[in-house]
């Protein structure tokens, strides 16, 4: 009887870990942008990051895009492959924060470490939809999930089942 109970507990822990990691993978995907206060302190007009699906099996590897501009124009306009690695957490979606070592592989030309480094640390706060990029004691970016822009990448209508779709005069769903 104790063996069966032990197997059930192990199965539940594995299942919870899988579901939590799946939730973390889906919540990291999307558009992330810096708020106006961070941009003002960093003398930026805007800073935005897009993270795609996790393509890694053991590590968190994502293709994306990094975009930043100051008053002189674009300073970052690069497709990237970013790898998040670091300490293991059995239930990352249930933790307050998740710390990563991050490494960017610049898919086009590297902007140089004076613009944005290729290796840094990242802390992800799943409850708040926030990612902080930093190197030593210097904050590189504070990014917030842009749920409105992130929802544009889905084909789902995201309407309650009880709401009927309406069509305009041309027969197109509105």
N, C-alpha and C. Protein backbone atom coordinates (compact mmCIF):
# COMPACT_ATOMS: atom_id res chain seq x y z
N UNK A 1 0.82 -1.19 0.00
CA UNK A 1 0.00 0.00 0.00
C UNK A 1 0.87 1.27 0.00
N UNK A 2 1.98 1.24 0.74
CA UNK A 2 2.86 2.40 0.81
C UNK A 2 3.52 2.66 -0.54
N UNK A 3 3.80 1.56 -1.30
CA UNK A 3 4.40 1.73 -2.62
C UNK A 3 3.44 2.40 -3.58
N UNK A 4 2.18 2.03 -3.51
CA UNK A 4 1.16 2.62 -4.39
C UNK A 4 1.01 4.10 -4.05
N UNK A 5 0.95 4.42 -2.79
CA UNK A 5 0.84 5.81 -2.37
C UNK A 5 2.07 6.61 -2.82
N UNK A 6 3.25 6.02 -2.69
CA UNK A 6 4.47 6.68 -3.14
C UNK A 6 4.47 6.91 -4.64
N UNK A 7 4.02 5.94 -5.43
CA UNK A 7 3.93 6.08 -6.88
C UNK A 7 2.93 7.16 -7.27
N UNK A 8 1.83 7.23 -6.57
CA UNK A 8 0.81 8.26 -6.85
C UNK A 8 1.39 9.65 -6.57
N UNK A 9 2.10 9.78 -5.48
CA UNK A 9 2.70 11.08 -5.14
C UNK A 9 3.75 11.47 -6.18
N UNK A 10 4.60 10.52 -6.58
CA UNK A 10 5.61 10.82 -7.61
C UNK A 10 4.93 11.19 -8.92
N UNK A 11 3.91 10.46 -9.31
CA UNK A 11 3.18 10.77 -10.54
C UNK A 11 2.58 12.18 -10.48
N UNK A 12 1.99 12.53 -9.36
CA UNK A 12 1.38 13.86 -9.21
C UNK A 12 2.44 14.96 -9.29
N UNK A 13 3.62 14.74 -8.68
CA UNK A 13 4.70 15.73 -8.75
C UNK A 13 5.19 15.91 -10.19
N UNK A 14 5.35 14.81 -10.91
CA UNK A 14 5.78 14.89 -12.31
C UNK A 14 4.72 15.62 -13.14
N UNK A 15 3.47 15.29 -12.94
CA UNK A 15 2.37 15.93 -13.66
C UNK A 15 2.31 17.43 -13.35
N UNK A 16 2.43 17.80 -12.07
CA UNK A 16 2.41 19.22 -11.69
C UNK A 16 3.60 19.96 -12.28
N UNK A 17 4.77 19.31 -12.29
CA UNK A 17 5.95 19.93 -12.86
C UNK A 17 5.77 20.15 -14.36
N UNK A 18 5.25 19.17 -15.07
CA UNK A 18 5.01 19.29 -16.52
C UNK A 18 4.01 20.42 -16.81
N UNK A 19 2.91 20.45 -16.06
CA UNK A 19 1.89 21.49 -16.29
C UNK A 19 2.44 22.88 -15.96
N UNK A 20 3.23 22.98 -14.90
CA UNK A 20 3.81 24.26 -14.51
C UNK A 20 4.79 24.75 -15.56
N UNK A 21 5.64 23.86 -16.08
CA UNK A 21 6.59 24.24 -17.13
C UNK A 21 5.87 24.61 -18.42
N UNK A 22 4.80 23.91 -18.73
CA UNK A 22 4.01 24.24 -19.91
C UNK A 22 3.39 25.63 -19.78
N UNK A 23 2.92 25.94 -18.59
CA UNK A 23 2.35 27.27 -18.34
C UNK A 23 3.43 28.34 -18.46
N UNK A 24 4.62 28.07 -17.93
CA UNK A 24 5.71 29.03 -18.03
C UNK A 24 6.10 29.24 -19.49
N UNK A 25 6.18 28.16 -20.26
CA UNK A 25 6.52 28.27 -21.68
C UNK A 25 5.52 29.14 -22.43
N UNK A 26 4.25 28.93 -22.18
CA UNK A 26 3.24 29.71 -22.91
C UNK A 26 3.16 31.15 -22.42
N UNK A 27 3.44 31.39 -21.15
CA UNK A 27 3.35 32.77 -20.66
C UNK A 27 4.57 33.61 -21.03
N UNK A 28 5.72 32.99 -21.30
CA UNK A 28 6.88 33.74 -21.75
C UNK A 28 6.75 34.17 -23.21
N UNK A 29 5.99 33.41 -23.99
CA UNK A 29 5.83 33.73 -25.41
C UNK A 29 5.02 35.01 -25.56
N UNK A 30 5.46 35.87 -26.46
CA UNK A 30 4.69 37.07 -26.75
C UNK A 30 5.55 38.32 -26.76
N UNK A 31 4.87 39.45 -26.68
CA UNK A 31 5.52 40.75 -26.74
C UNK A 31 5.74 41.30 -25.34
N UNK A 32 6.92 41.87 -25.14
CA UNK A 32 7.31 42.46 -23.87
C UNK A 32 7.80 43.86 -24.16
N UNK A 33 7.37 44.84 -23.36
CA UNK A 33 7.81 46.21 -23.59
C UNK A 33 8.18 46.90 -22.29
N UNK A 34 9.09 47.84 -22.43
CA UNK A 34 9.51 48.63 -21.28
C UNK A 34 8.47 49.71 -21.01
N UNK A 35 8.27 50.02 -19.75
CA UNK A 35 7.32 51.08 -19.41
C UNK A 35 7.96 52.46 -19.60
N UNK A 36 7.16 53.52 -19.66
CA UNK A 36 7.70 54.86 -19.90
C UNK A 36 8.73 55.32 -18.87
N UNK A 37 8.57 54.92 -17.60
CA UNK A 37 9.52 55.33 -16.57
C UNK A 37 10.91 54.75 -16.84
N UNK A 38 10.97 53.47 -17.20
CA UNK A 38 12.27 52.86 -17.51
C UNK A 38 12.87 53.52 -18.75
N UNK A 39 12.06 53.72 -19.78
CA UNK A 39 12.57 54.33 -21.02
C UNK A 39 13.13 55.73 -20.75
N UNK A 40 12.45 56.48 -19.90
CA UNK A 40 12.93 57.83 -19.58
C UNK A 40 14.28 57.78 -18.87
N UNK A 41 14.41 56.89 -17.88
CA UNK A 41 15.68 56.77 -17.16
C UNK A 41 16.80 56.27 -18.06
N UNK A 42 16.46 55.40 -19.01
CA UNK A 42 17.47 54.83 -19.91
C UNK A 42 17.67 55.69 -21.17
N UNK A 43 17.00 56.81 -21.23
CA UNK A 43 17.06 57.72 -22.38
C UNK A 43 16.70 57.01 -23.68
N UNK A 44 15.61 56.25 -23.61
CA UNK A 44 15.09 55.53 -24.77
C UNK A 44 13.69 56.04 -25.11
N UNK A 45 13.36 55.97 -26.36
CA UNK A 45 11.99 56.27 -26.80
C UNK A 45 11.11 55.03 -26.62
N UNK A 46 11.71 53.85 -26.87
CA UNK A 46 10.99 52.58 -26.70
C UNK A 46 11.97 51.43 -26.64
N UNK A 47 11.53 50.35 -25.99
CA UNK A 47 12.30 49.11 -25.91
C UNK A 47 11.30 47.98 -25.94
N UNK A 48 11.43 47.06 -26.89
CA UNK A 48 10.47 45.98 -27.04
C UNK A 48 11.19 44.68 -27.37
N UNK A 49 10.63 43.58 -26.87
CA UNK A 49 11.16 42.25 -27.10
C UNK A 49 10.02 41.34 -27.51
N UNK A 50 10.26 40.54 -28.53
CA UNK A 50 9.30 39.47 -28.87
C UNK A 50 9.98 38.15 -28.61
N UNK A 51 9.30 37.25 -27.89
CA UNK A 51 9.80 35.90 -27.64
C UNK A 51 8.85 34.90 -28.28
N UNK A 52 9.38 34.00 -29.09
CA UNK A 52 8.58 32.95 -29.72
C UNK A 52 8.47 31.73 -28.82
N UNK A 53 8.01 30.63 -29.42
CA UNK A 53 7.87 29.37 -28.69
C UNK A 53 9.22 28.84 -28.23
N UNK A 54 9.20 28.06 -27.16
CA UNK A 54 10.39 27.37 -26.68
C UNK A 54 10.73 26.26 -27.66
N UNK A 55 11.94 26.28 -28.20
CA UNK A 55 12.36 25.25 -29.16
C UNK A 55 13.34 24.26 -28.55
N UNK A 56 13.73 24.46 -27.29
CA UNK A 56 14.68 23.58 -26.63
C UNK A 56 13.98 22.49 -25.85
N UNK A 57 14.69 21.39 -25.63
CA UNK A 57 14.14 20.30 -24.84
C UNK A 57 14.60 20.38 -23.39
N UNK A 58 15.90 20.59 -23.20
CA UNK A 58 16.41 20.67 -21.83
C UNK A 58 16.56 22.10 -21.37
N UNK A 59 16.83 23.02 -22.31
CA UNK A 59 16.97 24.43 -21.96
C UNK A 59 15.84 25.21 -22.63
N UNK A 60 15.66 26.41 -22.19
CA UNK A 60 14.62 27.29 -22.73
C UNK A 60 15.26 28.13 -23.84
N UNK A 61 15.07 27.73 -25.10
CA UNK A 61 15.64 28.41 -26.25
C UNK A 61 14.51 28.98 -27.09
N UNK A 62 14.57 30.27 -27.36
CA UNK A 62 13.50 30.95 -28.09
C UNK A 62 14.08 31.86 -29.15
N UNK A 63 13.41 31.88 -30.29
CA UNK A 63 13.71 32.87 -31.31
C UNK A 63 12.85 34.09 -31.02
N UNK A 64 13.37 35.24 -31.36
CA UNK A 64 12.62 36.45 -31.07
C UNK A 64 13.17 37.64 -31.82
N UNK A 65 12.84 38.81 -31.30
CA UNK A 65 13.24 40.06 -31.94
C UNK A 65 13.42 41.10 -30.86
N UNK A 66 14.47 41.89 -30.97
CA UNK A 66 14.77 42.95 -30.01
C UNK A 66 14.76 44.27 -30.75
N UNK A 67 14.00 45.23 -30.22
CA UNK A 67 13.83 46.52 -30.87
C UNK A 67 13.94 47.62 -29.82
N UNK A 68 14.81 48.59 -30.06
CA UNK A 68 14.97 49.72 -29.14
C UNK A 68 15.31 50.96 -29.95
N UNK A 69 14.83 52.09 -29.47
CA UNK A 69 15.10 53.35 -30.15
C UNK A 69 15.32 54.44 -29.12
N UNK A 70 16.21 55.36 -29.49
CA UNK A 70 16.39 56.57 -28.69
C UNK A 70 16.01 57.77 -29.56
N UNK A 71 16.33 58.98 -29.12
CA UNK A 71 15.92 60.16 -29.88
C UNK A 71 16.62 60.29 -31.22
N UNK A 72 17.69 59.51 -31.43
CA UNK A 72 18.42 59.54 -32.71
C UNK A 72 17.93 58.48 -33.69
N UNK A 73 17.08 57.56 -33.24
CA UNK A 73 16.56 56.49 -34.11
C UNK A 73 16.75 55.12 -33.49
N UNK A 74 16.65 54.09 -34.32
CA UNK A 74 16.77 52.72 -33.86
C UNK A 74 18.20 52.40 -33.45
N UNK A 75 18.37 51.83 -32.27
CA UNK A 75 19.69 51.39 -31.83
C UNK A 75 19.76 49.87 -31.79
N UNK A 76 18.61 49.20 -31.65
CA UNK A 76 18.51 47.75 -31.74
C UNK A 76 17.36 47.42 -32.67
N UNK A 77 17.63 46.60 -33.64
CA UNK A 77 16.62 46.16 -34.60
C UNK A 77 17.08 44.80 -35.10
N UNK A 78 17.07 43.80 -34.18
CA UNK A 78 17.75 42.55 -34.43
C UNK A 78 16.89 41.32 -34.17
N UNK A 79 16.90 40.37 -35.11
CA UNK A 79 16.36 39.04 -34.79
C UNK A 79 17.37 38.33 -33.89
N UNK A 80 16.85 37.59 -32.93
CA UNK A 80 17.73 36.94 -31.95
C UNK A 80 17.31 35.50 -31.69
N UNK A 81 18.25 34.75 -31.15
CA UNK A 81 17.94 33.46 -30.53
C UNK A 81 18.45 33.60 -29.11
N UNK A 82 17.55 33.50 -28.15
CA UNK A 82 17.94 33.71 -26.75
C UNK A 82 17.78 32.40 -25.98
N UNK A 83 18.79 32.09 -25.20
CA UNK A 83 18.78 30.88 -24.39
C UNK A 83 18.72 31.28 -22.92
N UNK A 84 17.68 30.78 -22.25
CA UNK A 84 17.55 30.98 -20.81
C UNK A 84 17.97 29.68 -20.13
N UNK A 85 18.98 29.72 -19.29
CA UNK A 85 19.42 28.53 -18.57
C UNK A 85 19.67 28.93 -17.12
N UNK A 86 19.86 27.95 -16.30
CA UNK A 86 20.15 28.27 -14.91
C UNK A 86 19.64 27.22 -13.98
N UNK A 87 19.36 27.66 -12.76
CA UNK A 87 18.96 26.72 -11.72
C UNK A 87 17.65 26.03 -12.08
N UNK A 88 17.54 24.79 -11.64
CA UNK A 88 16.33 24.02 -11.88
C UNK A 88 15.32 24.32 -10.78
N UNK A 89 14.08 24.44 -11.17
CA UNK A 89 12.99 24.66 -10.25
C UNK A 89 11.92 23.64 -10.60
N UNK A 90 11.50 22.83 -9.65
CA UNK A 90 10.54 21.77 -9.92
C UNK A 90 9.22 22.35 -10.39
N UNK A 91 8.76 23.44 -9.79
CA UNK A 91 7.49 24.06 -10.16
C UNK A 91 7.72 25.54 -10.48
N UNK A 92 8.29 25.86 -11.67
CA UNK A 92 8.65 27.24 -11.96
C UNK A 92 7.44 28.17 -12.06
N UNK A 93 6.31 27.69 -12.50
CA UNK A 93 5.13 28.54 -12.63
C UNK A 93 4.53 28.92 -11.30
N UNK A 94 4.89 28.19 -10.25
CA UNK A 94 4.33 28.47 -8.93
C UNK A 94 5.29 29.26 -8.05
N UNK A 95 6.48 29.53 -8.54
CA UNK A 95 7.44 30.28 -7.74
C UNK A 95 7.22 31.78 -7.93
N UNK A 96 7.70 32.56 -6.97
CA UNK A 96 7.57 34.01 -7.03
C UNK A 96 8.35 34.57 -8.21
N UNK A 97 9.57 34.04 -8.41
CA UNK A 97 10.38 34.48 -9.53
C UNK A 97 11.28 33.34 -9.96
N UNK A 98 11.78 33.45 -11.16
CA UNK A 98 12.67 32.45 -11.73
C UNK A 98 13.90 33.16 -12.27
N UNK A 99 15.08 32.78 -11.79
CA UNK A 99 16.33 33.40 -12.22
C UNK A 99 16.97 32.59 -13.34
N UNK A 100 17.44 33.28 -14.34
CA UNK A 100 18.07 32.65 -15.49
C UNK A 100 19.42 33.30 -15.77
N UNK A 101 20.29 32.56 -16.43
CA UNK A 101 21.41 33.12 -17.16
C UNK A 101 20.93 33.18 -18.59
N UNK A 102 21.10 34.31 -19.24
CA UNK A 102 20.60 34.48 -20.60
C UNK A 102 21.76 34.74 -21.55
N UNK A 103 21.64 34.17 -22.73
CA UNK A 103 22.65 34.34 -23.76
C UNK A 103 21.95 34.60 -25.09
N UNK A 104 22.30 35.70 -25.73
CA UNK A 104 21.69 36.06 -27.01
C UNK A 104 22.64 35.69 -28.14
N UNK A 105 22.11 34.96 -29.10
CA UNK A 105 22.81 34.71 -30.36
C UNK A 105 22.19 35.67 -31.36
N UNK A 106 22.94 36.70 -31.76
CA UNK A 106 22.44 37.69 -32.70
C UNK A 106 22.40 37.06 -34.08
N UNK A 107 21.22 36.93 -34.66
CA UNK A 107 21.08 36.23 -35.93
C UNK A 107 21.57 37.06 -37.11
N UNK A 108 21.56 38.35 -36.96
CA UNK A 108 22.16 39.23 -37.96
C UNK A 108 23.43 39.79 -37.33
N UNK A 109 23.74 40.99 -37.62
CA UNK A 109 24.93 41.63 -37.07
C UNK A 109 24.74 41.97 -35.60
N UNK A 110 25.75 41.68 -34.79
CA UNK A 110 25.70 42.00 -33.36
C UNK A 110 25.83 43.52 -33.18
N UNK A 111 25.00 44.10 -32.29
CA UNK A 111 25.10 45.54 -32.08
C UNK A 111 26.30 45.94 -31.23
N UNK A 112 26.95 44.98 -30.63
CA UNK A 112 28.09 45.25 -29.76
C UNK A 112 27.67 45.32 -28.31
N UNK A 113 28.57 44.94 -27.42
CA UNK A 113 28.27 44.91 -25.99
C UNK A 113 28.03 46.30 -25.41
N UNK A 114 28.49 47.35 -26.08
CA UNK A 114 28.25 48.70 -25.58
C UNK A 114 26.78 49.10 -25.79
N UNK A 115 26.09 48.48 -26.75
CA UNK A 115 24.66 48.76 -26.97
C UNK A 115 23.81 47.81 -26.13
N UNK A 116 24.06 46.49 -26.27
CA UNK A 116 23.35 45.50 -25.46
C UNK A 116 24.22 44.25 -25.40
N UNK A 117 24.49 43.75 -24.20
CA UNK A 117 25.38 42.60 -24.07
C UNK A 117 24.75 41.30 -24.57
N UNK A 118 25.59 40.36 -24.91
CA UNK A 118 25.12 39.05 -25.38
C UNK A 118 24.87 38.10 -24.22
N UNK A 119 25.52 38.33 -23.08
CA UNK A 119 25.33 37.47 -21.91
C UNK A 119 24.97 38.33 -20.71
N UNK A 120 23.91 37.92 -20.00
CA UNK A 120 23.43 38.67 -18.85
C UNK A 120 22.54 37.75 -18.02
N UNK A 121 22.00 38.27 -16.95
CA UNK A 121 21.07 37.52 -16.11
C UNK A 121 19.66 38.06 -16.34
N UNK A 122 18.68 37.19 -16.10
CA UNK A 122 17.28 37.58 -16.23
C UNK A 122 16.50 37.01 -15.06
N UNK A 123 15.57 37.78 -14.57
CA UNK A 123 14.65 37.30 -13.54
C UNK A 123 13.24 37.48 -14.07
N UNK A 124 12.50 36.40 -14.06
CA UNK A 124 11.13 36.37 -14.59
C UNK A 124 10.16 36.26 -13.42
N UNK A 125 9.18 37.15 -13.38
CA UNK A 125 8.14 37.17 -12.35
C UNK A 125 6.82 36.76 -13.01
N UNK A 126 6.46 35.46 -12.99
CA UNK A 126 5.27 35.01 -13.72
C UNK A 126 3.97 35.62 -13.22
N UNK A 127 3.87 35.85 -11.92
CA UNK A 127 2.63 36.41 -11.36
C UNK A 127 2.37 37.82 -11.87
N UNK A 128 3.42 38.58 -12.15
CA UNK A 128 3.29 39.98 -12.54
C UNK A 128 3.50 40.22 -14.03
N UNK A 129 3.93 39.20 -14.76
CA UNK A 129 4.21 39.39 -16.18
C UNK A 129 5.35 40.36 -16.39
N UNK A 130 6.45 40.11 -15.70
CA UNK A 130 7.59 41.03 -15.71
C UNK A 130 8.89 40.26 -15.88
N UNK A 131 9.78 40.79 -16.70
CA UNK A 131 11.13 40.25 -16.87
C UNK A 131 12.12 41.39 -16.65
N UNK A 132 13.15 41.12 -15.86
CA UNK A 132 14.21 42.10 -15.64
C UNK A 132 15.51 41.50 -16.18
N UNK A 133 16.16 42.21 -17.10
CA UNK A 133 17.47 41.84 -17.61
C UNK A 133 18.50 42.69 -16.87
N UNK A 134 19.57 42.06 -16.36
CA UNK A 134 20.60 42.81 -15.65
C UNK A 134 21.95 42.13 -15.82
N UNK A 135 22.99 42.91 -15.59
CA UNK A 135 24.35 42.40 -15.63
C UNK A 135 25.08 42.99 -14.44
N UNK A 136 25.53 42.13 -13.55
CA UNK A 136 26.09 42.55 -12.28
C UNK A 136 25.05 43.39 -11.55
N UNK A 137 25.31 44.66 -11.28
CA UNK A 137 24.33 45.49 -10.58
C UNK A 137 23.64 46.48 -11.52
N UNK A 138 23.88 46.35 -12.82
CA UNK A 138 23.32 47.28 -13.81
C UNK A 138 22.06 46.68 -14.45
N UNK A 139 20.95 47.38 -14.36
CA UNK A 139 19.70 46.95 -14.99
C UNK A 139 19.76 47.30 -16.47
N UNK A 140 19.56 46.30 -17.31
CA UNK A 140 19.58 46.50 -18.76
C UNK A 140 18.19 46.77 -19.31
N UNK A 141 17.18 46.12 -18.74
CA UNK A 141 15.81 46.30 -19.21
C UNK A 141 14.84 45.80 -18.16
N UNK A 142 13.73 46.50 -18.03
CA UNK A 142 12.60 46.05 -17.23
C UNK A 142 11.43 45.98 -18.20
N UNK A 143 10.97 44.76 -18.46
CA UNK A 143 9.96 44.55 -19.49
C UNK A 143 8.69 43.96 -18.89
N UNK A 144 7.56 44.41 -19.41
CA UNK A 144 6.25 43.95 -18.97
C UNK A 144 5.56 43.28 -20.14
N UNK A 145 4.82 42.23 -19.88
CA UNK A 145 4.10 41.50 -20.93
C UNK A 145 3.03 42.41 -21.51
N UNK A 146 3.01 42.54 -22.82
CA UNK A 146 1.97 43.29 -23.52
C UNK A 146 0.94 42.28 -24.01
N UNK A 147 -0.07 42.06 -23.18
CA UNK A 147 -1.07 41.03 -23.48
C UNK A 147 -1.89 41.37 -24.72
N UNK A 148 -2.15 42.64 -24.95
CA UNK A 148 -2.94 43.03 -26.11
C UNK A 148 -2.19 42.68 -27.40
N UNK A 149 -0.93 43.06 -27.51
CA UNK A 149 -0.16 42.72 -28.71
C UNK A 149 0.08 41.22 -28.80
N UNK A 150 0.30 40.56 -27.67
CA UNK A 150 0.55 39.12 -27.68
C UNK A 150 -0.67 38.35 -28.16
N UNK A 151 -1.86 38.83 -27.88
CA UNK A 151 -3.07 38.13 -28.32
C UNK A 151 -3.29 38.26 -29.82
N UNK A 152 -2.66 39.21 -30.47
CA UNK A 152 -2.81 39.38 -31.91
C UNK A 152 -2.15 38.25 -32.69
N UNK A 153 -1.24 37.51 -32.07
CA UNK A 153 -0.53 36.45 -32.77
C UNK A 153 -1.30 35.13 -32.77
N UNK A 154 -2.46 35.08 -32.16
CA UNK A 154 -3.24 33.86 -32.12
C UNK A 154 -4.37 33.92 -33.14
N UNK A 155 -4.75 32.76 -33.62
CA UNK A 155 -5.86 32.69 -34.56
C UNK A 155 -7.19 32.53 -33.83
N UNK A 156 -7.14 32.26 -32.54
CA UNK A 156 -8.36 32.08 -31.77
C UNK A 156 -9.13 33.38 -31.68
N UNK A 157 -10.43 33.28 -31.68
CA UNK A 157 -11.28 34.45 -31.57
C UNK A 157 -11.26 35.03 -30.16
N UNK A 158 -11.06 34.18 -29.17
CA UNK A 158 -11.02 34.58 -27.77
C UNK A 158 -12.30 35.30 -27.35
N UNK A 159 -13.42 34.73 -27.74
CA UNK A 159 -14.73 35.22 -27.32
C UNK A 159 -15.42 34.12 -26.52
N UNK A 160 -16.24 34.50 -25.54
CA UNK A 160 -16.99 33.47 -24.81
C UNK A 160 -17.89 32.69 -25.76
N UNK A 161 -18.15 31.42 -25.43
CA UNK A 161 -18.98 30.58 -26.28
C UNK A 161 -20.39 31.14 -26.44
N UNK A 162 -20.85 31.89 -25.45
CA UNK A 162 -22.22 32.41 -25.49
C UNK A 162 -22.37 33.62 -26.42
N UNK A 163 -21.25 34.18 -26.89
CA UNK A 163 -21.30 35.35 -27.77
C UNK A 163 -21.32 34.88 -29.22
N UNK A 164 -22.32 35.33 -29.94
CA UNK A 164 -22.41 34.95 -31.35
C UNK A 164 -21.58 35.90 -32.19
N UNK A 165 -20.93 35.34 -33.20
CA UNK A 165 -20.17 36.17 -34.12
C UNK A 165 -21.13 36.92 -35.02
N UNK A 166 -20.78 38.16 -35.29
CA UNK A 166 -21.59 38.96 -36.19
C UNK A 166 -20.81 39.19 -37.47
N UNK A 167 -21.52 39.37 -38.54
CA UNK A 167 -20.88 39.62 -39.83
C UNK A 167 -21.27 41.00 -40.31
N UNK A 168 -20.30 41.65 -40.99
CA UNK A 168 -20.64 42.97 -41.58
C UNK A 168 -21.35 42.74 -42.92
N UNK A 169 -21.61 43.80 -43.65
CA UNK A 169 -22.34 43.70 -44.92
C UNK A 169 -21.61 42.86 -45.97
N UNK A 170 -20.29 42.74 -45.85
CA UNK A 170 -19.52 41.96 -46.81
C UNK A 170 -19.40 40.49 -46.40
N UNK A 171 -20.00 40.11 -45.30
CA UNK A 171 -19.95 38.72 -44.82
C UNK A 171 -18.71 38.39 -44.01
N UNK A 172 -17.96 39.39 -43.60
CA UNK A 172 -16.74 39.18 -42.83
C UNK A 172 -17.07 39.25 -41.34
N UNK A 173 -16.49 38.30 -40.57
CA UNK A 173 -16.71 38.30 -39.11
C UNK A 173 -16.21 39.59 -38.50
N UNK A 174 -17.00 40.14 -37.57
CA UNK A 174 -16.57 41.31 -36.82
C UNK A 174 -16.67 41.05 -35.34
